Amino acid sequence: MQIGVIEVPTRRALLVQRIEDQILTGKLRVGDSLPSERQLQEETHISKTVIHAALAELEQKGFLEITPRRGAVVANYVETGTMEALAARIRLNGGSMTREQTRSFLEARVAIEGAAFRRLAERHTEEDLAYLEAILAGADALLAREPLDARALAEALFRFHRGICLRSGNEFFPLLLNEFRPIILEFWQRSIAVFGAASNVHLAKRCLELIRAGDAEGAFRRLERSVNEYLGSLD
């Protein structure tokens, strides 16, 4: 029997999470002032050094604005937040996105990947196509196995789309997809469950055909249509 490492959250991590939760649930609203570091120290029995670090982390995530005169004030995290703020919202929701969050996220994906699809369709090499074909060959091999490893297939589909971003020549596109990787993998697994494994691989192959043909607009529209179909399945 193997238990593995059990990690206990630090006091700083727990303080950050509690303040995040108060902001995300509306108990603390935009413009509200937090107690001073001295007051937080008295209430929580946590050292001032740890409290200062926790508040700095919350500011970095976009939850707080800290100024010398006003101290820590709740910021509009939708405007100033980072991906970590989104991750906190998903955590508070039990690890799932709401439908509106899903729509917003997929719209962002279309903007990023759609631009990559267009760029690659307009200027690709045989090496680019061979790179993507090799990923799809791996996906075909997964389809042939019983039982299907949906997680592995989701990984292959993620690598295919990241590969398009990588080969588009924009160095930020693949980095952005890597930032979203855990969320995207969950979407792919749901897509495999709803539309079928073979259908998802076929769609990837169709996108590659449009890229090979230089049909930039067709490749973008096919991506956009698949996202709309996914959103429709949520109803």
Protein backbone atom coordinates (compact mmCIF):
# COMPACT_ATOMS: atom_id res chain seq x y z
CA MET A 1 0.00 0.00 0.00
CA GLN A 2 1.30 3.44 -0.99
CA ILE A 3 -0.19 6.57 0.53
CA GLY A 4 2.08 9.16 -1.04
CA VAL A 5 2.97 12.62 0.16
CA ILE A 6 0.29 14.50 2.08
CA GLU A 7 0.72 18.24 1.76
CA VAL A 8 -0.74 20.51 4.43
CA PRO A 9 -1.62 24.04 3.24
CA THR A 10 0.53 26.75 4.75
CA ARG A 11 -0.97 29.51 6.90
CA ARG A 12 -0.28 31.92 4.09
CA ALA A 13 -2.13 29.73 1.57
CA LEU A 14 -5.11 29.36 3.91
CA LEU A 15 -5.28 33.10 4.54
CA VAL A 16 -5.11 33.82 0.81
CA GLN A 17 -7.89 31.31 0.15
CA ARG A 18 -10.16 32.69 2.88
CA ILE A 19 -9.85 36.25 1.62
CA GLU A 20 -10.35 35.08 -1.98
CA ASP A 21 -13.52 33.26 -0.96
CA GLN A 22 -14.89 36.34 0.83
CA ILE A 23 -14.30 38.42 -2.32
CA LEU A 24 -15.65 35.81 -4.75
CA THR A 25 -18.83 35.24 -2.71
CA GLY A 26 -19.49 38.98 -2.40
CA LYS A 27 -18.93 39.22 1.35
CA LEU A 28 -16.15 41.63 0.49
CA ARG A 29 -17.10 44.01 -2.33
CA VAL A 30 -15.08 46.17 -4.68
CA GLY A 31 -13.82 49.19 -2.74
CA ASP A 32 -14.11 47.56 0.68
CA SER A 33 -11.07 48.05 2.91
CA LEU A 34 -9.45 45.09 4.64
CA PRO A 35 -8.36 45.34 8.27
CA SER A 36 -4.81 46.56 8.78
CA GLU A 37 -1.99 44.05 8.96
CA ARG A 38 -1.83 44.61 12.71
CA GLN A 39 -5.57 43.86 13.06
CA LEU A 40 -5.26 40.75 10.89
CA GLN A 41 -2.36 39.61 13.03
CA GLU A 42 -4.42 39.97 16.21
CA GLU A 43 -7.41 38.14 14.70
CA THR A 44 -5.60 35.28 12.96
CA HIS A 45 -2.56 34.84 15.24
CA ILE A 46 -0.41 34.73 12.09
CA SER A 47 2.87 36.60 11.91
CA LYS A 48 2.88 40.00 10.26
CA THR A 49 5.45 38.75 7.75
CA VAL A 50 3.11 35.99 6.57
CA ILE A 51 0.14 38.38 6.43
CA HIS A 52 2.16 40.88 4.39
CA ALA A 53 3.16 38.11 1.93
CA ALA A 54 -0.44 36.87 1.64
CA LEU A 55 -1.76 40.36 0.87
CA ALA A 56 1.00 40.88 -1.69
CA GLU A 57 -0.01 37.61 -3.37
CA LEU A 58 -3.64 38.70 -3.49
CA GLU A 59 -2.58 41.98 -5.06
CA GLN A 60 -0.52 40.13 -7.64
CA LYS A 61 -3.56 38.00 -8.52
CA GLY A 62 -5.66 41.14 -8.96
CA PHE A 63 -7.93 40.72 -5.92
CA LEU A 64 -6.54 43.67 -3.95
CA GLU A 65 -5.10 47.11 -4.54
CA ILE A 66 -2.61 48.15 -1.86
CA THR A 67 -1.63 51.78 -1.41
CA PRO A 68 0.32 53.46 1.42
CA ARG A 69 -2.57 55.59 2.67
CA ARG A 70 -5.61 53.39 2.13
CA GLY A 71 -4.00 50.02 2.84
CA ALA A 72 -5.52 46.93 1.19
CA VAL A 73 -8.72 47.58 -0.77
CA VAL A 74 -10.75 45.03 -2.73
CA ALA A 75 -10.14 45.47 -6.45
CA ASN A 76 -12.36 44.56 -9.40
CA TYR A 77 -10.67 41.22 -10.13
CA VAL A 78 -12.59 40.84 -13.40
CA GLU A 79 -10.72 43.91 -14.62
CA THR A 80 -7.37 43.45 -12.86
CA GLY A 81 -7.21 39.69 -12.19
CA THR A 82 -4.90 37.09 -13.66
CA MET A 83 -5.43 33.45 -14.59
CA GLU A 84 -4.96 32.65 -10.92
CA ALA A 85 -8.11 34.67 -10.18
CA LEU A 86 -10.01 32.53 -12.68
CA ALA A 87 -8.59 29.39 -11.08
CA ALA A 88 -9.84 30.61 -7.69
CA ARG A 89 -13.34 31.10 -9.09
CA ILE A 90 -13.34 27.59 -10.53
CA ARG A 91 -12.07 26.15 -7.25
CA LEU A 92 -14.88 27.87 -5.33
CA ASN A 93 -17.34 26.34 -7.80
CA GLY A 94 -16.16 22.82 -6.97
CA GLY A 95 -13.72 22.65 -9.87
CA SER A 96 -16.34 23.35 -12.55
CA MET A 97 -17.10 26.36 -14.71
CA THR A 98 -20.51 27.94 -14.98
CA ARG A 99 -22.06 28.05 -18.45
CA GLU A 100 -21.19 31.73 -18.84
CA GLN A 101 -17.61 31.11 -17.74
CA THR A 102 -17.42 28.26 -20.25
CA ARG A 103 -18.73 30.51 -23.02
CA SER A 104 -16.25 33.26 -22.15
CA PHE A 105 -13.38 30.80 -22.02
CA LEU A 106 -14.24 29.18 -25.36
CA GLU A 107 -14.62 32.59 -26.99
CA ALA A 108 -11.07 33.33 -25.83
CA ARG A 109 -9.92 30.01 -27.29
CA VAL A 110 -11.49 30.82 -30.66
CA ALA A 111 -9.72 34.19 -30.67
CA ILE A 112 -6.33 32.61 -29.91
CA GLU A 113 -6.56 29.38 -31.89
CA GLY A 114 -8.56 30.98 -34.70
CA ALA A 115 -5.71 33.41 -35.33
CA ALA A 116 -3.26 30.48 -35.32
CA PHE A 117 -5.44 28.51 -37.77
CA ARG A 118 -5.52 31.44 -40.16
CA ARG A 119 -1.78 32.12 -39.93
CA LEU A 120 -0.86 28.49 -40.51
CA ALA A 121 -3.29 28.09 -43.40
CA GLU A 122 -1.73 31.10 -45.10
CA ARG A 123 1.91 30.11 -44.56
CA HIS A 124 2.74 26.53 -43.72
CA THR A 125 5.48 24.17 -44.74
CA GLU A 126 5.48 20.44 -45.38
CA GLU A 127 7.37 20.08 -42.11
CA ASP A 128 4.51 21.84 -40.28
CA LEU A 129 1.97 19.48 -41.82
CA ALA A 130 4.09 16.40 -41.07
CA TYR A 131 4.38 17.49 -37.44
CA LEU A 132 0.59 17.71 -37.09
CA GLU A 133 -0.02 14.50 -39.04
CA ALA A 134 2.22 12.62 -36.62
CA ILE A 135 0.08 13.78 -33.70
CA LEU A 136 -3.08 12.64 -35.49
CA ALA A 137 -1.47 9.28 -36.26
CA GLY A 138 -1.00 8.90 -32.51
CA ALA A 139 -4.68 9.77 -32.02
CA ASP A 140 -5.65 7.10 -34.57
CA ALA A 141 -3.58 4.55 -32.65
CA LEU A 142 -5.47 5.44 -29.48
CA LEU A 143 -8.79 4.96 -31.27
CA ALA A 144 -7.76 1.43 -32.21
CA ARG A 145 -7.17 0.40 -28.61
CA GLU A 146 -9.78 -1.14 -26.34
CA PRO A 147 -10.84 0.19 -23.96
CA LEU A 148 -10.45 3.77 -25.10
CA ASP A 149 -8.15 5.91 -22.97
CA ALA A 150 -10.16 9.14 -23.12
CA ARG A 151 -7.59 11.06 -21.11
CA ALA A 152 -4.77 10.10 -23.48
CA LEU A 153 -6.91 11.04 -26.49
CA ALA A 154 -7.72 14.39 -24.88
CA GLU A 155 -3.96 14.92 -24.46
CA ALA A 156 -3.40 14.12 -28.15
CA LEU A 157 -6.09 16.58 -29.24
CA PHE A 158 -4.60 19.22 -26.96
CA ARG A 159 -1.14 18.63 -28.50
CA PHE A 160 -2.66 18.93 -31.99
CA HIS A 161 -4.22 22.32 -31.27
CA ARG A 162 -1.14 23.49 -29.41
CA GLY A 163 0.90 22.30 -32.38
CA ILE A 164 -1.13 24.53 -34.68
CA CYS A 165 -0.42 27.46 -32.35
CA LEU A 166 3.26 26.52 -32.18
CA ARG A 167 3.64 26.16 -35.95
CA SER A 168 1.74 29.39 -36.63
CA GLY A 169 4.92 31.26 -35.72
CA ASN A 170 3.41 33.26 -32.86
CA GLU A 171 5.47 32.45 -29.79
CA PHE A 172 2.75 33.52 -27.33
CA PHE A 173 -0.09 31.32 -28.67
CA PRO A 174 1.27 27.97 -27.42
CA LEU A 175 2.23 29.54 -24.09
CA LEU A 176 -1.34 30.74 -23.61
CA LEU A 177 -2.70 27.27 -24.37
CA ASN A 178 -0.27 25.77 -21.87
CA GLU A 179 -1.60 28.19 -19.26
CA PHE A 180 -5.13 26.90 -19.92
CA ARG A 181 -4.09 23.24 -20.29
CA PRO A 182 -5.96 21.66 -17.32
CA ILE A 183 -9.21 23.39 -18.32
CA ILE A 184 -8.84 22.53 -22.01
CA LEU A 185 -8.21 18.87 -21.21
CA GLU A 186 -11.46 18.75 -19.25
CA PHE A 187 -13.28 20.21 -22.25
CA TRP A 188 -11.76 17.64 -24.60
CA GLN A 189 -12.77 14.78 -22.33
CA ARG A 190 -16.32 16.06 -22.22
CA SER A 191 -16.34 16.50 -26.00
CA ILE A 192 -15.16 12.89 -26.41
CA ALA A 193 -17.93 11.70 -24.09
CA VAL A 194 -20.65 13.73 -25.84
CA PHE A 195 -19.68 13.57 -29.53
CA GLY A 196 -17.59 10.40 -29.57
CA ALA A 197 -13.86 9.79 -29.87
CA ALA A 198 -13.85 9.17 -33.63
CA SER A 199 -15.85 12.33 -34.30
CA ASN A 200 -13.32 14.49 -32.46
CA VAL A 201 -10.38 12.98 -34.34
CA HIS A 202 -12.25 13.37 -37.65
CA LEU A 203 -12.80 17.05 -36.85
CA ALA A 204 -9.07 17.52 -36.21
CA LYS A 205 -8.29 15.86 -39.55
CA ARG A 206 -10.78 18.11 -41.34
CA CYS A 207 -9.14 21.18 -39.80
CA LEU A 208 -5.76 19.96 -41.02
CA GLU A 209 -7.17 19.44 -44.54
CA LEU A 210 -8.39 23.04 -44.61
CA ILE A 211 -5.00 24.28 -43.38
CA ARG A 212 -3.24 22.18 -46.05
CA ALA A 213 -5.53 23.65 -48.70
CA GLY A 214 -4.68 27.17 -47.56
CA ASP A 215 -8.33 27.84 -46.70
CA ALA A 216 -7.71 30.22 -43.78
CA GLU A 217 -11.32 31.34 -43.46
CA GLY A 218 -12.65 27.79 -43.77
CA ALA A 219 -10.30 26.56 -41.04
CA PHE A 220 -11.37 29.36 -38.73
CA ARG A 221 -15.08 28.79 -39.41
CA ARG A 222 -14.73 25.06 -38.75
CA LEU A 223 -13.12 25.76 -35.39
CA GLU A 224 -15.81 28.32 -34.55
CA ARG A 225 -18.59 25.90 -35.52
CA SER A 226 -17.17 23.11 -33.36
CA VAL A 227 -17.06 25.46 -30.35
CA ASN A 228 -20.68 26.48 -30.93
CA GLU A 229 -21.68 22.82 -31.15
CA TYR A 230 -19.95 22.20 -27.83
CA LEU A 231 -21.79 25.11 -26.23
CA GLY A 232 -25.05 23.77 -27.66
CA SER A 233 -24.42 20.42 -25.99
CA LEU A 234 -24.44 22.17 -22.61
CA ASP A 235 -28.13 22.95 -23.07
